[in-house]
Amino acid sequence: MKAKEFDKKFDAGEDISKSLDVARATRVKQELKRVNVDFPSWMVEALDKEARRLGVTRQSIIKVWISERLHGGLV
């Protein structure tokens, strides 16, 4: 199927799922890259306290907060 036909079906609200190969799908710029950051102990304690309160991991809360800061609140 050509892109124009695909776009036309999508815009018309048709089911285009059969035309997608989700097994090979990737998200652009979503590959992971490990970084190391040193925080003072008081900051780690505050992060852990907030993470426990929210029921998430320290890493998760750091990722969300940095994403919010970089994207102006859009995650």
N, C-alpha and C. Protein backbone atom coordinates (compact mmCIF):
# COMPACT_ATOMS: atom_id res chain seq x y z
N MET A 1 0.85 -1.17 0.00
CA MET A 1 0.00 0.00 0.00
C MET A 1 0.90 1.24 0.00
N LYS A 2 0.57 2.19 -0.81
CA LYS A 2 1.32 3.44 -0.89
C LYS A 2 0.95 4.33 0.29
N ALA A 3 1.87 5.23 0.64
CA ALA A 3 1.68 6.11 1.79
C ALA A 3 0.43 6.96 1.65
N LYS A 4 0.15 7.46 0.45
CA LYS A 4 -1.04 8.31 0.26
C LYS A 4 -2.33 7.53 0.56
N GLU A 5 -2.37 6.28 0.11
CA GLU A 5 -3.55 5.45 0.37
C GLU A 5 -3.68 5.16 1.86
N PHE A 6 -2.54 4.86 2.51
CA PHE A 6 -2.53 4.61 3.95
C PHE A 6 -3.04 5.83 4.69
N ASP A 7 -2.50 7.01 4.36
CA ASP A 7 -2.92 8.25 5.01
C ASP A 7 -4.41 8.52 4.81
N LYS A 8 -4.89 8.25 3.61
CA LYS A 8 -6.31 8.48 3.30
C LYS A 8 -7.19 7.59 4.17
N LYS A 9 -6.81 6.31 4.30
CA LYS A 9 -7.59 5.39 5.13
C LYS A 9 -7.54 5.81 6.60
N PHE A 10 -6.36 6.21 7.07
CA PHE A 10 -6.21 6.66 8.46
C PHE A 10 -7.08 7.89 8.72
N ASP A 11 -6.97 8.87 7.83
CA ASP A 11 -7.75 10.10 7.99
C ASP A 11 -9.25 9.84 7.94
N ALA A 12 -9.67 8.81 7.23
CA ALA A 12 -11.09 8.46 7.14
C ALA A 12 -11.56 7.65 8.35
N GLY A 13 -10.62 7.32 9.23
CA GLY A 13 -10.98 6.57 10.43
C GLY A 13 -11.09 5.07 10.21
N GLU A 14 -10.56 4.61 9.09
CA GLU A 14 -10.61 3.17 8.80
C GLU A 14 -9.58 2.43 9.65
N ASP A 15 -9.80 1.15 9.84
CA ASP A 15 -8.87 0.31 10.59
C ASP A 15 -7.65 0.02 9.73
N ILE A 16 -6.51 0.59 10.10
CA ILE A 16 -5.29 0.41 9.34
C ILE A 16 -4.33 -0.57 10.03
N SER A 17 -4.78 -1.18 11.12
CA SER A 17 -3.91 -2.04 11.93
C SER A 17 -3.38 -3.24 11.14
N LYS A 18 -4.15 -3.75 10.19
CA LYS A 18 -3.69 -4.89 9.40
C LYS A 18 -2.57 -4.51 8.44
N SER A 19 -2.41 -3.23 8.21
CA SER A 19 -1.36 -2.75 7.31
C SER A 19 -0.05 -2.46 8.04
N LEU A 20 -0.04 -2.62 9.35
CA LEU A 20 1.15 -2.30 10.15
C LEU A 20 1.88 -3.57 10.55
N ASP A 21 3.20 -3.51 10.51
CA ASP A 21 4.05 -4.61 10.98
C ASP A 21 4.60 -4.19 12.34
N VAL A 22 3.80 -4.40 13.40
CA VAL A 22 4.19 -3.93 14.73
C VAL A 22 5.39 -4.69 15.30
N ALA A 23 5.69 -5.86 14.77
CA ALA A 23 6.85 -6.62 15.25
C ALA A 23 8.15 -5.89 14.93
N ARG A 24 8.13 -5.08 13.89
CA ARG A 24 9.34 -4.35 13.50
C ARG A 24 9.28 -2.88 13.86
N ALA A 25 8.25 -2.46 14.55
CA ALA A 25 8.07 -1.05 14.88
C ALA A 25 9.10 -0.60 15.92
N THR A 26 9.55 0.63 15.78
CA THR A 26 10.47 1.22 16.75
C THR A 26 10.02 2.64 17.04
N ARG A 27 10.45 3.15 18.17
CA ARG A 27 10.18 4.54 18.53
C ARG A 27 11.44 5.33 18.30
N VAL A 28 11.34 6.40 17.56
CA VAL A 28 12.49 7.22 17.21
C VAL A 28 13.09 7.85 18.46
N LYS A 29 14.38 7.79 18.57
CA LYS A 29 15.16 8.38 19.67
C LYS A 29 14.72 7.86 21.04
N GLN A 30 14.32 6.60 21.12
CA GLN A 30 13.90 6.02 22.39
C GLN A 30 14.87 4.97 22.90
N GLU A 31 15.99 4.75 22.17
CA GLU A 31 16.96 3.79 22.67
C GLU A 31 17.56 4.32 23.97
N LEU A 32 17.87 3.41 24.86
CA LEU A 32 18.38 3.80 26.16
C LEU A 32 19.87 4.09 26.10
N LYS A 33 20.29 5.07 26.86
CA LYS A 33 21.70 5.39 27.02
C LYS A 33 21.94 5.62 28.50
N ARG A 34 22.85 4.86 29.04
CA ARG A 34 23.12 4.94 30.47
C ARG A 34 24.02 6.14 30.78
N VAL A 35 23.64 6.88 31.83
CA VAL A 35 24.46 7.99 32.32
C VAL A 35 24.59 7.84 33.84
N ASN A 36 25.66 8.36 34.35
CA ASN A 36 25.87 8.35 35.80
C ASN A 36 25.83 9.77 36.32
N VAL A 37 25.08 9.99 37.36
CA VAL A 37 24.96 11.32 37.96
C VAL A 37 25.18 11.17 39.46
N ASP A 38 26.00 12.02 40.01
CA ASP A 38 26.23 12.02 41.45
C ASP A 38 25.33 13.07 42.11
N PHE A 39 24.59 12.64 43.13
CA PHE A 39 23.72 13.53 43.88
C PHE A 39 24.19 13.57 45.33
N PRO A 40 24.01 14.68 46.02
CA PRO A 40 24.30 14.70 47.46
C PRO A 40 23.31 13.79 48.18
N SER A 41 23.72 13.26 49.31
CA SER A 41 22.90 12.28 50.03
C SER A 41 21.52 12.85 50.41
N TRP A 42 21.45 14.13 50.77
CA TRP A 42 20.15 14.70 51.14
C TRP A 42 19.18 14.64 49.96
N MET A 43 19.71 14.81 48.74
CA MET A 43 18.86 14.79 47.55
C MET A 43 18.37 13.37 47.26
N VAL A 44 19.24 12.38 47.44
CA VAL A 44 18.84 10.99 47.25
C VAL A 44 17.77 10.61 48.26
N GLU A 45 17.95 11.05 49.50
CA GLU A 45 16.94 10.76 50.54
C GLU A 45 15.60 11.40 50.19
N ALA A 46 15.64 12.64 49.69
CA ALA A 46 14.40 13.33 49.31
C ALA A 46 13.75 12.64 48.11
N LEU A 47 14.56 12.21 47.15
CA LEU A 47 14.04 11.48 45.99
C LEU A 47 13.39 10.18 46.42
N ASP A 48 14.07 9.45 47.30
CA ASP A 48 13.53 8.18 47.77
C ASP A 48 12.22 8.37 48.53
N LYS A 49 12.15 9.41 49.34
CA LYS A 49 10.93 9.68 50.10
C LYS A 49 9.77 9.97 49.15
N GLU A 50 10.02 10.81 48.15
CA GLU A 50 8.97 11.16 47.20
C GLU A 50 8.59 9.95 46.34
N ALA A 51 9.58 9.16 45.95
CA ALA A 51 9.31 7.96 45.15
C ALA A 51 8.44 6.98 45.94
N ARG A 52 8.75 6.79 47.22
CA ARG A 52 7.92 5.90 48.06
C ARG A 52 6.50 6.43 48.17
N ARG A 53 6.38 7.74 48.34
CA ARG A 53 5.06 8.35 48.47
C ARG A 53 4.23 8.11 47.21
N LEU A 54 4.87 8.18 46.06
CA LEU A 54 4.17 7.99 44.79
C LEU A 54 4.08 6.53 44.36
N GLY A 55 4.84 5.66 45.05
CA GLY A 55 4.82 4.24 44.72
C GLY A 55 5.58 3.91 43.44
N VAL A 56 6.65 4.66 43.19
CA VAL A 56 7.48 4.42 42.00
C VAL A 56 8.93 4.29 42.43
N THR A 57 9.80 3.96 41.48
CA THR A 57 11.22 3.85 41.78
C THR A 57 11.89 5.21 41.71
N ARG A 58 13.05 5.30 42.31
CA ARG A 58 13.83 6.53 42.25
C ARG A 58 14.13 6.88 40.79
N GLN A 59 14.52 5.88 40.02
CA GLN A 59 14.85 6.11 38.61
C GLN A 59 13.65 6.66 37.85
N SER A 60 12.48 6.13 38.12
CA SER A 60 11.27 6.59 37.43
C SER A 60 10.98 8.05 37.73
N ILE A 61 11.09 8.42 38.98
CA ILE A 61 10.77 9.80 39.34
C ILE A 61 11.79 10.77 38.73
N ILE A 62 13.05 10.37 38.69
CA ILE A 62 14.08 11.21 38.08
C ILE A 62 13.79 11.38 36.59
N LYS A 63 13.45 10.30 35.90
CA LYS A 63 13.15 10.37 34.47
C LYS A 63 11.96 11.28 34.19
N VAL A 64 10.89 11.13 34.98
CA VAL A 64 9.70 11.95 34.76
C VAL A 64 10.00 13.42 35.01
N TRP A 65 10.68 13.72 36.11
CA TRP A 65 10.97 15.11 36.43
C TRP A 65 11.88 15.75 35.40
N ILE A 66 12.88 15.04 34.93
CA ILE A 66 13.77 15.61 33.91
C ILE A 66 13.00 15.80 32.60
N SER A 67 12.17 14.84 32.24
CA SER A 67 11.37 14.96 31.03
C SER A 67 10.44 16.17 31.10
N GLU A 68 9.80 16.36 32.25
CA GLU A 68 8.91 17.50 32.42
C GLU A 68 9.68 18.80 32.25
N ARG A 69 10.85 18.86 32.80
CA ARG A 69 11.67 20.07 32.72
C ARG A 69 12.10 20.34 31.27
N LEU A 70 12.51 19.30 30.57
CA LEU A 70 13.00 19.46 29.21
C LEU A 70 11.88 19.77 28.21
N HIS A 71 10.68 19.27 28.49
CA HIS A 71 9.57 19.42 27.55
C HIS A 71 8.49 20.36 28.06
N GLY A 72 8.80 21.16 29.04
CA GLY A 72 7.84 22.14 29.53
C GLY A 72 6.58 21.53 30.10
N GLY A 73 6.72 20.38 30.79
CA GLY A 73 5.57 19.75 31.41
C GLY A 73 4.90 18.70 30.55
N LEU A 74 5.34 18.54 29.32
CA LEU A 74 4.77 17.53 28.43
C LEU A 74 5.58 16.26 28.52
N VAL A 75 4.99 15.20 28.97
CA VAL A 75 5.71 13.92 29.08
C VAL A 75 5.29 13.02 27.96
